[in-house]
Amino acid sequence: MASAARNGTASPAQEFERVVDALQAPLGRFVAQMIPDRALAEDVLQETFCVAWRQRARMPADAGDQRGWFYGVARNQALHALRKQRRGRRAVDALAAQPPPDRRPKAEPWAMRDFVAGVLGPQDRSLFLLRYVHEFSAPELADMTGLRPATIRKRLERSATALRAAIADPTLLQKGAPHGHAFTA
């Protein structure tokens, strides 16, 4: 390691650590936006880094691609955790039982997350958050998810329609729907 530092080149482990340091906070925010349960979100973030470490040979060399790769790992871990959690209890039912966003304290920092979670299922929620909060393009999301860009654009369009409907009529949130798909376009 000392010789790598003298040469100005980083070892693969050092490069991995550098990327993790740079992405830890934004990945943490993404996972927290995906998973309402803070303890579970922290576990998923930790598992994301463990899985990424085990798969580090697959990490792209290009710094621009590394960000998307890590977000893809985090997305997959979050979706896996949500599926696992849903088997034990219906997380969406618990969210639907919460008061609508307009009745929550305005200072609540996670009101948007709860609202989006109450309207969109995990798959669509992950696409929505990655596109509009974390600013990935449709082609980047396609690389990350294996979906076609046109499919992603259509799902985002349906998600936006569902969110607009929920904003227009918050009582729809109280009715809830199985698997977080409360609305159809």
N, C-alpha and C. Protein backbone atom coordinates (compact mmCIF):
# COMPACT_ATOMS: atom_id res chain seq x y z
N MET A 1 0.81 -1.18 0.00
CA MET A 1 0.00 0.00 0.00
C MET A 1 0.86 1.24 0.00
N ALA A 2 1.95 1.21 0.72
CA ALA A 2 2.82 2.37 0.79
C ALA A 2 3.41 2.67 -0.58
N SER A 3 3.79 1.61 -1.34
CA SER A 3 4.35 1.87 -2.66
C SER A 3 3.31 2.42 -3.61
N ALA A 4 2.05 1.99 -3.47
CA ALA A 4 0.98 2.54 -4.31
C ALA A 4 0.79 4.01 -4.03
N ALA A 5 0.85 4.38 -2.75
CA ALA A 5 0.68 5.78 -2.39
C ALA A 5 1.85 6.60 -2.93
N ARG A 6 3.07 6.05 -2.90
CA ARG A 6 4.23 6.79 -3.43
C ARG A 6 4.12 6.98 -4.93
N ASN A 7 3.57 5.98 -5.63
CA ASN A 7 3.43 6.07 -7.08
C ASN A 7 2.26 6.95 -7.50
N GLY A 8 1.41 7.30 -6.56
CA GLY A 8 0.24 8.10 -6.91
C GLY A 8 -0.92 7.28 -7.43
N THR A 9 -0.80 5.97 -7.40
CA THR A 9 -1.90 5.11 -7.83
C THR A 9 -2.52 4.47 -6.60
N ALA A 10 -3.78 4.29 -6.66
CA ALA A 10 -4.50 3.70 -5.53
C ALA A 10 -4.71 2.22 -5.80
N SER A 11 -4.65 1.44 -4.75
CA SER A 11 -4.96 0.02 -4.86
C SER A 11 -6.48 -0.10 -5.07
N PRO A 12 -6.94 -1.26 -5.54
CA PRO A 12 -8.39 -1.44 -5.70
C PRO A 12 -9.15 -1.20 -4.38
N ALA A 13 -8.58 -1.63 -3.27
CA ALA A 13 -9.24 -1.41 -1.97
C ALA A 13 -9.30 0.08 -1.64
N GLN A 14 -8.22 0.80 -1.94
CA GLN A 14 -8.22 2.24 -1.67
C GLN A 14 -9.21 2.96 -2.58
N GLU A 15 -9.29 2.54 -3.83
CA GLU A 15 -10.24 3.14 -4.76
C GLU A 15 -11.67 2.89 -4.29
N PHE A 16 -11.94 1.67 -3.86
CA PHE A 16 -13.27 1.33 -3.34
C PHE A 16 -13.59 2.21 -2.14
N GLU A 17 -12.66 2.35 -1.23
CA GLU A 17 -12.87 3.17 -0.03
C GLU A 17 -13.12 4.63 -0.41
N ARG A 18 -12.40 5.14 -1.40
CA ARG A 18 -12.59 6.51 -1.85
C ARG A 18 -14.02 6.72 -2.38
N VAL A 19 -14.48 5.77 -3.19
CA VAL A 19 -15.83 5.88 -3.76
C VAL A 19 -16.88 5.78 -2.65
N VAL A 20 -16.70 4.86 -1.72
CA VAL A 20 -17.63 4.71 -0.60
C VAL A 20 -17.70 6.01 0.21
N ASP A 21 -16.55 6.60 0.50
CA ASP A 21 -16.53 7.85 1.25
C ASP A 21 -17.33 8.94 0.52
N ALA A 22 -17.19 9.00 -0.78
CA ALA A 22 -17.88 10.03 -1.57
C ALA A 22 -19.38 9.79 -1.66
N LEU A 23 -19.79 8.52 -1.67
CA LEU A 23 -21.20 8.20 -1.91
C LEU A 23 -21.99 7.83 -0.67
N GLN A 24 -21.35 7.72 0.47
CA GLN A 24 -22.03 7.25 1.67
C GLN A 24 -23.24 8.11 2.02
N ALA A 25 -23.08 9.42 2.06
CA ALA A 25 -24.20 10.30 2.45
C ALA A 25 -25.33 10.28 1.41
N PRO A 26 -25.04 10.45 0.10
CA PRO A 26 -26.16 10.43 -0.85
C PRO A 26 -26.84 9.06 -0.93
N LEU A 27 -26.07 7.97 -0.81
CA LEU A 27 -26.70 6.65 -0.80
C LEU A 27 -27.56 6.47 0.45
N GLY A 28 -27.09 6.99 1.56
CA GLY A 28 -27.87 6.92 2.79
C GLY A 28 -29.20 7.64 2.64
N ARG A 29 -29.17 8.81 2.00
CA ARG A 29 -30.42 9.56 1.78
C ARG A 29 -31.36 8.76 0.87
N PHE A 30 -30.81 8.19 -0.20
CA PHE A 30 -31.64 7.41 -1.12
C PHE A 30 -32.29 6.23 -0.41
N VAL A 31 -31.51 5.49 0.35
CA VAL A 31 -32.05 4.32 1.06
C VAL A 31 -33.10 4.77 2.08
N ALA A 32 -32.86 5.90 2.77
CA ALA A 32 -33.83 6.40 3.74
C ALA A 32 -35.11 6.85 3.04
N GLN A 33 -35.00 7.34 1.82
CA GLN A 33 -36.19 7.72 1.07
C GLN A 33 -36.96 6.50 0.59
N MET A 34 -36.26 5.41 0.38
CA MET A 34 -36.91 4.18 -0.07
C MET A 34 -37.56 3.42 1.08
N ILE A 35 -36.93 3.46 2.25
CA ILE A 35 -37.36 2.61 3.36
C ILE A 35 -37.75 3.47 4.55
N PRO A 36 -39.02 3.50 4.90
CA PRO A 36 -39.48 4.35 6.01
C PRO A 36 -38.90 3.98 7.38
N ASP A 37 -38.62 2.73 7.61
CA ASP A 37 -38.09 2.28 8.90
C ASP A 37 -36.60 2.62 8.98
N ARG A 38 -36.25 3.53 9.88
CA ARG A 38 -34.87 4.03 9.96
C ARG A 38 -33.86 2.91 10.24
N ALA A 39 -34.18 2.03 11.17
CA ALA A 39 -33.25 0.95 11.51
C ALA A 39 -33.04 0.03 10.31
N LEU A 40 -34.12 -0.28 9.61
CA LEU A 40 -34.00 -1.13 8.42
C LEU A 40 -33.20 -0.40 7.34
N ALA A 41 -33.43 0.89 7.17
CA ALA A 41 -32.68 1.66 6.18
C ALA A 41 -31.18 1.64 6.49
N GLU A 42 -30.83 1.77 7.75
CA GLU A 42 -29.42 1.72 8.14
C GLU A 42 -28.83 0.34 7.84
N ASP A 43 -29.59 -0.71 8.11
CA ASP A 43 -29.13 -2.07 7.81
C ASP A 43 -28.94 -2.26 6.31
N VAL A 44 -29.87 -1.73 5.53
CA VAL A 44 -29.79 -1.87 4.08
C VAL A 44 -28.57 -1.11 3.54
N LEU A 45 -28.31 0.06 4.07
CA LEU A 45 -27.13 0.81 3.64
C LEU A 45 -25.86 0.01 3.93
N GLN A 46 -25.79 -0.55 5.12
CA GLN A 46 -24.63 -1.36 5.49
C GLN A 46 -24.51 -2.57 4.56
N GLU A 47 -25.63 -3.22 4.30
CA GLU A 47 -25.62 -4.39 3.42
C GLU A 47 -25.23 -3.99 1.99
N THR A 48 -25.62 -2.80 1.58
CA THR A 48 -25.24 -2.29 0.26
C THR A 48 -23.72 -2.26 0.13
N PHE A 49 -23.05 -1.74 1.14
CA PHE A 49 -21.59 -1.66 1.07
C PHE A 49 -20.95 -3.04 1.17
N CYS A 50 -21.55 -3.95 1.92
CA CYS A 50 -21.02 -5.32 2.00
C CYS A 50 -21.15 -6.02 0.64
N VAL A 51 -22.32 -5.89 0.03
CA VAL A 51 -22.52 -6.51 -1.29
C VAL A 51 -21.59 -5.87 -2.32
N ALA A 52 -21.48 -4.55 -2.27
CA ALA A 52 -20.60 -3.86 -3.21
C ALA A 52 -19.15 -4.32 -3.03
N TRP A 53 -18.74 -4.52 -1.79
CA TRP A 53 -17.37 -4.98 -1.53
C TRP A 53 -17.17 -6.38 -2.13
N ARG A 54 -18.15 -7.26 -1.91
CA ARG A 54 -18.02 -8.61 -2.45
C ARG A 54 -18.02 -8.61 -3.98
N GLN A 55 -18.70 -7.64 -4.58
CA GLN A 55 -18.79 -7.56 -6.03
C GLN A 55 -17.88 -6.47 -6.61
N ARG A 56 -16.90 -6.02 -5.85
CA ARG A 56 -16.06 -4.89 -6.26
C ARG A 56 -15.34 -5.12 -7.58
N ALA A 57 -15.13 -6.35 -7.97
CA ALA A 57 -14.51 -6.63 -9.26
C ALA A 57 -15.41 -6.16 -10.40
N ARG A 58 -16.70 -6.04 -10.16
CA ARG A 58 -17.65 -5.57 -11.17
C ARG A 58 -17.78 -4.05 -11.20
N MET A 59 -17.20 -3.37 -10.21
CA MET A 59 -17.32 -1.91 -10.13
C MET A 59 -16.65 -1.29 -11.36
N PRO A 60 -17.36 -0.44 -12.09
CA PRO A 60 -16.77 0.18 -13.26
C PRO A 60 -15.54 1.02 -12.90
N ALA A 61 -14.62 1.09 -13.81
CA ALA A 61 -13.40 1.90 -13.59
C ALA A 61 -13.71 3.38 -13.72
N ASP A 62 -14.67 3.74 -14.57
CA ASP A 62 -15.00 5.14 -14.80
C ASP A 62 -15.76 5.70 -13.60
N ALA A 63 -15.28 6.82 -13.07
CA ALA A 63 -15.88 7.43 -11.88
C ALA A 63 -17.36 7.77 -12.10
N GLY A 64 -17.72 8.20 -13.29
CA GLY A 64 -19.12 8.53 -13.57
C GLY A 64 -20.03 7.31 -13.51
N ASP A 65 -19.51 6.18 -13.93
CA ASP A 65 -20.30 4.94 -13.90
C ASP A 65 -20.35 4.32 -12.51
N GLN A 66 -19.37 4.62 -11.69
CA GLN A 66 -19.33 4.05 -10.35
C GLN A 66 -20.54 4.50 -9.53
N ARG A 67 -20.92 5.75 -9.66
CA ARG A 67 -22.08 6.29 -8.93
C ARG A 67 -23.33 5.48 -9.25
N GLY A 68 -23.59 5.29 -10.54
CA GLY A 68 -24.76 4.52 -10.95
C GLY A 68 -24.70 3.07 -10.48
N TRP A 69 -23.51 2.50 -10.51
CA TRP A 69 -23.34 1.11 -10.07
C TRP A 69 -23.70 0.98 -8.59
N PHE A 70 -23.18 1.89 -7.77
CA PHE A 70 -23.49 1.84 -6.34
C PHE A 70 -24.98 2.07 -6.08
N TYR A 71 -25.60 3.02 -6.79
CA TYR A 71 -27.03 3.25 -6.62
C TYR A 71 -27.82 2.02 -7.06
N GLY A 72 -27.35 1.33 -8.08
CA GLY A 72 -28.02 0.09 -8.50
C GLY A 72 -27.95 -0.97 -7.42
N VAL A 73 -26.79 -1.11 -6.79
CA VAL A 73 -26.65 -2.07 -5.68
C VAL A 73 -27.58 -1.65 -4.54
N ALA A 74 -27.60 -0.36 -4.20
CA ALA A 74 -28.46 0.12 -3.11
C ALA A 74 -29.93 -0.10 -3.45
N ARG A 75 -30.31 0.17 -4.68
CA ARG A 75 -31.70 -0.03 -5.11
C ARG A 75 -32.09 -1.50 -4.95
N ASN A 76 -31.25 -2.39 -5.43
CA ASN A 76 -31.56 -3.82 -5.33
C ASN A 76 -31.66 -4.26 -3.88
N GLN A 77 -30.77 -3.79 -3.03
CA GLN A 77 -30.81 -4.16 -1.61
C GLN A 77 -32.08 -3.60 -0.95
N ALA A 78 -32.44 -2.37 -1.30
CA ALA A 78 -33.65 -1.77 -0.71
C ALA A 78 -34.89 -2.53 -1.15
N LEU A 79 -34.98 -2.86 -2.43
CA LEU A 79 -36.14 -3.61 -2.91
C LEU A 79 -36.21 -5.00 -2.28
N HIS A 80 -35.07 -5.63 -2.14
CA HIS A 80 -35.03 -6.95 -1.49
C HIS A 80 -35.52 -6.85 -0.04
N ALA A 81 -35.03 -5.84 0.67
CA ALA A 81 -35.44 -5.67 2.07
C ALA A 81 -36.93 -5.38 2.18
N LEU A 82 -37.45 -4.59 1.26
CA LEU A 82 -38.88 -4.28 1.30
C LEU A 82 -39.73 -5.51 1.00
N ARG A 83 -39.27 -6.32 0.04
CA ARG A 83 -40.02 -7.56 -0.24
C ARG A 83 -40.00 -8.48 0.97
N LYS A 84 -38.85 -8.58 1.60
CA LYS A 84 -38.71 -9.43 2.79
C LYS A 84 -39.60 -8.90 3.93
N GLN A 85 -39.59 -7.60 4.12
CA GLN A 85 -40.40 -7.00 5.17
C GLN A 85 -41.89 -7.22 4.91
N ARG A 86 -42.28 -7.12 3.65
CA ARG A 86 -43.69 -7.27 3.29
C ARG A 86 -44.18 -8.68 3.57
N ARG A 87 -43.31 -9.67 3.43
CA ARG A 87 -43.71 -11.04 3.74
C ARG A 87 -44.10 -11.18 5.20
N GLY A 88 -43.40 -10.47 6.08
CA GLY A 88 -43.69 -10.56 7.51
C GLY A 88 -44.89 -9.72 7.92
N ARG A 89 -45.01 -8.57 7.31
CA ARG A 89 -46.15 -7.68 7.60
C ARG A 89 -46.34 -6.76 6.40
N ARG A 90 -47.46 -6.24 6.27
CA ARG A 90 -47.78 -5.38 5.13
C ARG A 90 -47.42 -3.94 5.45
N ALA A 91 -46.22 -3.52 5.01
CA ALA A 91 -45.73 -2.17 5.29
C ALA A 91 -46.64 -1.11 4.65
N VAL A 92 -47.16 -1.43 3.50
CA VAL A 92 -48.02 -0.45 2.82
C VAL A 92 -49.31 -0.22 3.60
N ASP A 93 -49.83 -1.27 4.26
CA ASP A 93 -51.04 -1.11 5.07
C ASP A 93 -50.78 -0.15 6.23
N ALA A 94 -49.61 -0.27 6.83
CA ALA A 94 -49.25 0.63 7.93
C ALA A 94 -49.14 2.07 7.43
N LEU A 95 -48.58 2.26 6.25
CA LEU A 95 -48.47 3.61 5.69
C LEU A 95 -49.85 4.17 5.36
N ALA A 96 -50.71 3.33 4.83
CA ALA A 96 -52.05 3.79 4.47
C ALA A 96 -52.85 4.18 5.71
N ALA A 97 -52.54 3.59 6.86
CA ALA A 97 -53.25 3.90 8.09
C ALA A 97 -52.81 5.24 8.69
N GLN A 98 -51.68 5.77 8.23
CA GLN A 98 -51.22 7.06 8.74
C GLN A 98 -52.11 8.18 8.22
N PRO A 99 -52.15 9.28 8.95
CA PRO A 99 -52.96 10.40 8.45
C PRO A 99 -52.39 10.93 7.14
N PRO A 100 -53.24 11.52 6.31
CA PRO A 100 -52.75 12.06 5.04
C PRO A 100 -51.70 13.16 5.28
N PRO A 101 -50.86 13.41 4.29
CA PRO A 101 -49.78 14.38 4.46
C PRO A 101 -50.24 15.77 4.91
N ASP A 102 -51.44 16.18 4.50
CA ASP A 102 -51.89 17.53 4.88
C ASP A 102 -52.23 17.63 6.37
N ARG A 103 -52.33 16.51 7.08
CA ARG A 103 -52.62 16.54 8.52
C ARG A 103 -51.37 16.35 9.38
N ARG A 104 -50.23 16.12 8.75
CA ARG A 104 -48.98 15.93 9.48
C ARG A 104 -48.34 17.28 9.76
N PRO A 105 -47.53 17.34 10.79
CA PRO A 105 -46.83 18.60 11.07
C PRO A 105 -45.98 19.01 9.86
N LYS A 106 -46.02 20.30 9.52
CA LYS A 106 -45.28 20.79 8.36
C LYS A 106 -43.77 20.62 8.52
N ALA A 107 -43.28 20.58 9.75
CA ALA A 107 -41.85 20.47 9.98
C ALA A 107 -41.33 19.05 9.80
N GLU A 108 -42.21 18.09 9.62
CA GLU A 108 -41.78 16.69 9.48
C GLU A 108 -40.93 16.54 8.22
N PRO A 109 -39.66 16.18 8.37
CA PRO A 109 -38.78 16.11 7.21
C PRO A 109 -39.08 14.94 6.28
N TRP A 110 -39.78 13.93 6.77
CA TRP A 110 -40.01 12.75 5.95
C TRP A 110 -41.43 12.68 5.41
N ALA A 111 -42.16 13.78 5.46
CA ALA A 111 -43.54 13.77 4.97
C ALA A 111 -43.60 13.40 3.50
N MET A 112 -42.68 13.92 2.69
CA MET A 112 -42.68 13.58 1.27
C MET A 112 -42.43 12.08 1.08
N ARG A 113 -41.49 11.53 1.84
CA ARG A 113 -41.19 10.11 1.72
C ARG A 113 -42.43 9.27 2.04
N ASP A 114 -43.10 9.61 3.13
CA ASP A 114 -44.28 8.85 3.52
C ASP A 114 -45.39 8.99 2.48
N PHE A 115 -45.53 10.19 1.94
CA PHE A 115 -46.54 10.42 0.92
C PHE A 115 -46.24 9.58 -0.32
N VAL A 116 -45.01 9.65 -0.81
CA VAL A 116 -44.62 8.88 -1.99
C VAL A 116 -44.76 7.38 -1.72
N ALA A 117 -44.36 6.95 -0.52
CA ALA A 117 -44.47 5.52 -0.17
C ALA A 117 -45.93 5.08 -0.11
N GLY A 118 -46.82 5.98 0.28
CA GLY A 118 -48.22 5.64 0.34
C GLY A 118 -48.90 5.57 -1.02
N VAL A 119 -48.26 6.18 -2.02
CA VAL A 119 -48.85 6.23 -3.35
C VAL A 119 -48.21 5.23 -4.31
N LEU A 120 -46.89 5.12 -4.25
CA LEU A 120 -46.16 4.30 -5.22
C LEU A 120 -45.60 3.04 -4.56
N GLY A 121 -45.63 1.97 -5.31
CA GLY A 121 -45.00 0.74 -4.84
C GLY A 121 -43.49 0.87 -4.87
N PRO A 122 -42.77 -0.07 -4.28
CA PRO A 122 -41.31 0.03 -4.18
C PRO A 122 -40.59 0.20 -5.52
N GLN A 123 -40.99 -0.54 -6.53
CA GLN A 123 -40.33 -0.44 -7.84
C GLN A 123 -40.48 0.96 -8.43
N ASP A 124 -41.72 1.45 -8.48
CA ASP A 124 -41.95 2.78 -9.05
C ASP A 124 -41.38 3.86 -8.15
N ARG A 125 -41.44 3.66 -6.84
CA ARG A 125 -40.87 4.65 -5.91
C ARG A 125 -39.37 4.77 -6.14
N SER A 126 -38.68 3.64 -6.34
CA SER A 126 -37.23 3.71 -6.56
C SER A 126 -36.92 4.46 -7.85
N LEU A 127 -37.67 4.19 -8.91
CA LEU A 127 -37.44 4.91 -10.17
C LEU A 127 -37.71 6.40 -10.00
N PHE A 128 -38.81 6.74 -9.34
CA PHE A 128 -39.18 8.15 -9.14
C PHE A 128 -38.09 8.88 -8.35
N LEU A 129 -37.65 8.28 -7.25
CA LEU A 129 -36.62 8.93 -6.42
C LEU A 129 -35.29 9.04 -7.15
N LEU A 130 -34.90 7.98 -7.84
CA LEU A 130 -33.63 8.03 -8.56
C LEU A 130 -33.66 9.08 -9.68
N ARG A 131 -34.79 9.23 -10.32
CA ARG A 131 -34.89 10.20 -11.43
C ARG A 131 -35.00 11.63 -10.92
N TYR A 132 -35.94 11.89 -10.03
CA TYR A 132 -36.26 13.27 -9.70
C TYR A 132 -35.56 13.80 -8.45
N VAL A 133 -35.10 12.94 -7.58
CA VAL A 133 -34.38 13.40 -6.40
C VAL A 133 -32.88 13.26 -6.60
N HIS A 134 -32.47 12.11 -7.17
CA HIS A 134 -31.04 11.85 -7.33
C HIS A 134 -30.55 12.12 -8.75
N GLU A 135 -31.42 12.59 -9.62
CA GLU A 135 -31.11 13.14 -10.94
C GLU A 135 -30.43 12.18 -11.92
N PHE A 136 -30.84 10.91 -11.91
CA PHE A 136 -30.36 9.99 -12.93
C PHE A 136 -31.24 10.14 -14.16
N SER A 137 -30.66 10.03 -15.34
CA SER A 137 -31.42 10.11 -16.58
C SER A 137 -32.09 8.76 -16.85
N ALA A 138 -33.05 8.76 -17.78
CA ALA A 138 -33.71 7.51 -18.15
C ALA A 138 -32.71 6.49 -18.69
N PRO A 139 -31.75 6.88 -19.54
CA PRO A 139 -30.76 5.89 -19.99
C PRO A 139 -29.90 5.35 -18.83
N GLU A 140 -29.55 6.20 -17.87
CA GLU A 140 -28.78 5.73 -16.71
C GLU A 140 -29.62 4.76 -15.89
N LEU A 141 -30.91 5.07 -15.73
CA LEU A 141 -31.80 4.16 -15.00
C LEU A 141 -31.96 2.84 -15.75
N ALA A 142 -31.97 2.92 -17.07
CA ALA A 142 -32.06 1.69 -17.86
C ALA A 142 -30.85 0.80 -17.61
N ASP A 143 -29.67 1.40 -17.60
CA ASP A 143 -28.46 0.61 -17.31
C ASP A 143 -28.52 0.02 -15.91
N MET A 144 -29.04 0.78 -14.98
CA MET A 144 -29.07 0.38 -13.58
C MET A 144 -30.07 -0.75 -13.34
N THR A 145 -31.22 -0.67 -14.02
CA THR A 145 -32.33 -1.58 -13.72
C THR A 145 -32.54 -2.70 -14.72
N GLY A 146 -31.98 -2.54 -15.91
CA GLY A 146 -32.21 -3.53 -16.96
C GLY A 146 -33.51 -3.29 -17.72
N LEU A 147 -34.21 -2.21 -17.40
CA LEU A 147 -35.43 -1.85 -18.12
C LEU A 147 -35.07 -0.97 -19.31
N ARG A 148 -35.95 -0.92 -20.32
CA ARG A 148 -35.72 -0.05 -21.47
C ARG A 148 -36.02 1.40 -21.06
N PRO A 149 -35.32 2.38 -21.64
CA PRO A 149 -35.59 3.79 -21.32
C PRO A 149 -37.06 4.16 -21.55
N ALA A 150 -37.66 3.63 -22.61
CA ALA A 150 -39.07 3.93 -22.88
C ALA A 150 -39.97 3.40 -21.77
N THR A 151 -39.64 2.23 -21.25
CA THR A 151 -40.41 1.64 -20.15
C THR A 151 -40.27 2.51 -18.90
N ILE A 152 -39.07 2.96 -18.66
CA ILE A 152 -38.83 3.81 -17.49
C ILE A 152 -39.61 5.12 -17.62
N ARG A 153 -39.55 5.73 -18.79
CA ARG A 153 -40.29 6.99 -19.00
C ARG A 153 -41.79 6.79 -18.78
N LYS A 154 -42.33 5.67 -19.25
CA LYS A 154 -43.76 5.39 -19.10
C LYS A 154 -44.11 5.18 -17.62
N ARG A 155 -43.27 4.44 -16.90
CA ARG A 155 -43.53 4.21 -15.47
C ARG A 155 -43.43 5.51 -14.69
N LEU A 156 -42.49 6.37 -15.06
CA LEU A 156 -42.37 7.67 -14.39
C LEU A 156 -43.58 8.55 -14.68
N GLU A 157 -44.05 8.48 -15.90
CA GLU A 157 -45.25 9.25 -16.27
C GLU A 157 -46.46 8.77 -15.46
N ARG A 158 -46.63 7.46 -15.33
CA ARG A 158 -47.75 6.92 -14.53
C ARG A 158 -47.59 7.28 -13.06
N SER A 159 -46.36 7.25 -12.57
CA SER A 159 -46.10 7.62 -11.17
C SER A 159 -46.47 9.08 -10.93
N ALA A 160 -46.08 9.95 -11.84
CA ALA A 160 -46.39 11.37 -11.70
C ALA A 160 -47.90 11.58 -11.71
N THR A 161 -48.60 10.86 -12.57
CA THR A 161 -50.07 10.96 -12.63
C THR A 161 -50.68 10.51 -11.30
N ALA A 162 -50.18 9.42 -10.75
CA ALA A 162 -50.69 8.90 -9.48
C ALA A 162 -50.42 9.89 -8.34
N LEU A 163 -49.25 10.48 -8.34
CA LEU A 163 -48.93 11.46 -7.29
C LEU A 163 -49.80 12.71 -7.42
N ARG A 164 -50.01 13.17 -8.65
CA ARG A 164 -50.90 14.33 -8.85
C ARG A 164 -52.32 14.02 -8.36
N ALA A 165 -52.79 12.81 -8.63
CA ALA A 165 -54.14 12.41 -8.19
C ALA A 165 -54.21 12.40 -6.66
N ALA A 166 -53.17 11.92 -6.01
CA ALA A 166 -53.15 11.86 -4.55
C ALA A 166 -53.09 13.27 -3.94
N ILE A 167 -52.37 14.15 -4.60
CA ILE A 167 -52.31 15.54 -4.12
C ILE A 167 -53.68 16.20 -4.27
N ALA A 168 -54.35 15.94 -5.38
CA ALA A 168 -55.65 16.53 -5.64
C ALA A 168 -56.72 15.99 -4.69
N ASP A 169 -56.60 14.73 -4.30
CA ASP A 169 -57.60 14.11 -3.43
C ASP A 169 -56.90 13.26 -2.36
N PRO A 170 -56.42 13.88 -1.25
CA PRO A 170 -55.70 13.13 -0.21
C PRO A 170 -56.51 12.03 0.45
N THR A 171 -57.84 12.06 0.31
CA THR A 171 -58.64 11.00 0.92
C THR A 171 -58.36 9.66 0.26
N LEU A 172 -57.84 9.68 -0.96
CA LEU A 172 -57.50 8.42 -1.62
C LEU A 172 -56.40 7.68 -0.87
N LEU A 173 -55.54 8.42 -0.19
CA LEU A 173 -54.48 7.77 0.60
C LEU A 173 -55.06 6.97 1.74
N GLN A 174 -56.13 7.44 2.34
CA GLN A 174 -56.73 6.75 3.47
C GLN A 174 -57.32 5.41 3.04
N LYS A 175 -57.80 5.34 1.80
CA LYS A 175 -58.39 4.10 1.31
C LYS A 175 -57.32 3.04 1.11
N GLY A 176 -56.11 3.49 0.69
CA GLY A 176 -55.00 2.57 0.50
C GLY A 176 -55.26 1.61 -0.63
N ALA A 177 -54.26 0.85 -0.97
CA ALA A 177 -54.38 -0.16 -2.01
C ALA A 177 -53.32 -1.21 -1.78
N PRO A 178 -53.56 -2.42 -2.23
CA PRO A 178 -52.55 -3.45 -2.03
C PRO A 178 -51.26 -3.12 -2.77
N HIS A 179 -50.14 -3.39 -2.13
CA HIS A 179 -48.82 -3.26 -2.73
C HIS A 179 -48.45 -1.84 -3.10
N GLY A 180 -49.11 -0.84 -2.53
CA GLY A 180 -48.70 0.54 -2.73
C GLY A 180 -49.15 1.14 -4.04
N HIS A 181 -49.95 0.43 -4.83
CA HIS A 181 -50.40 0.99 -6.09
C HIS A 181 -51.81 1.52 -5.88
N ALA A 182 -51.90 2.67 -5.26
CA ALA A 182 -53.18 3.21 -4.86
C ALA A 182 -53.94 3.79 -6.03
N PHE A 183 -53.26 4.13 -7.09
CA PHE A 183 -53.92 4.85 -8.18
C PHE A 183 -53.55 4.24 -9.51
N THR A 184 -54.46 4.36 -10.45
CA THR A 184 -54.14 3.98 -11.82
C THR A 184 -54.44 5.16 -12.71
N ALA A 185 -53.65 5.28 -13.76
CA ALA A 185 -53.81 6.41 -14.67
C ALA A 185 -54.98 6.19 -15.59
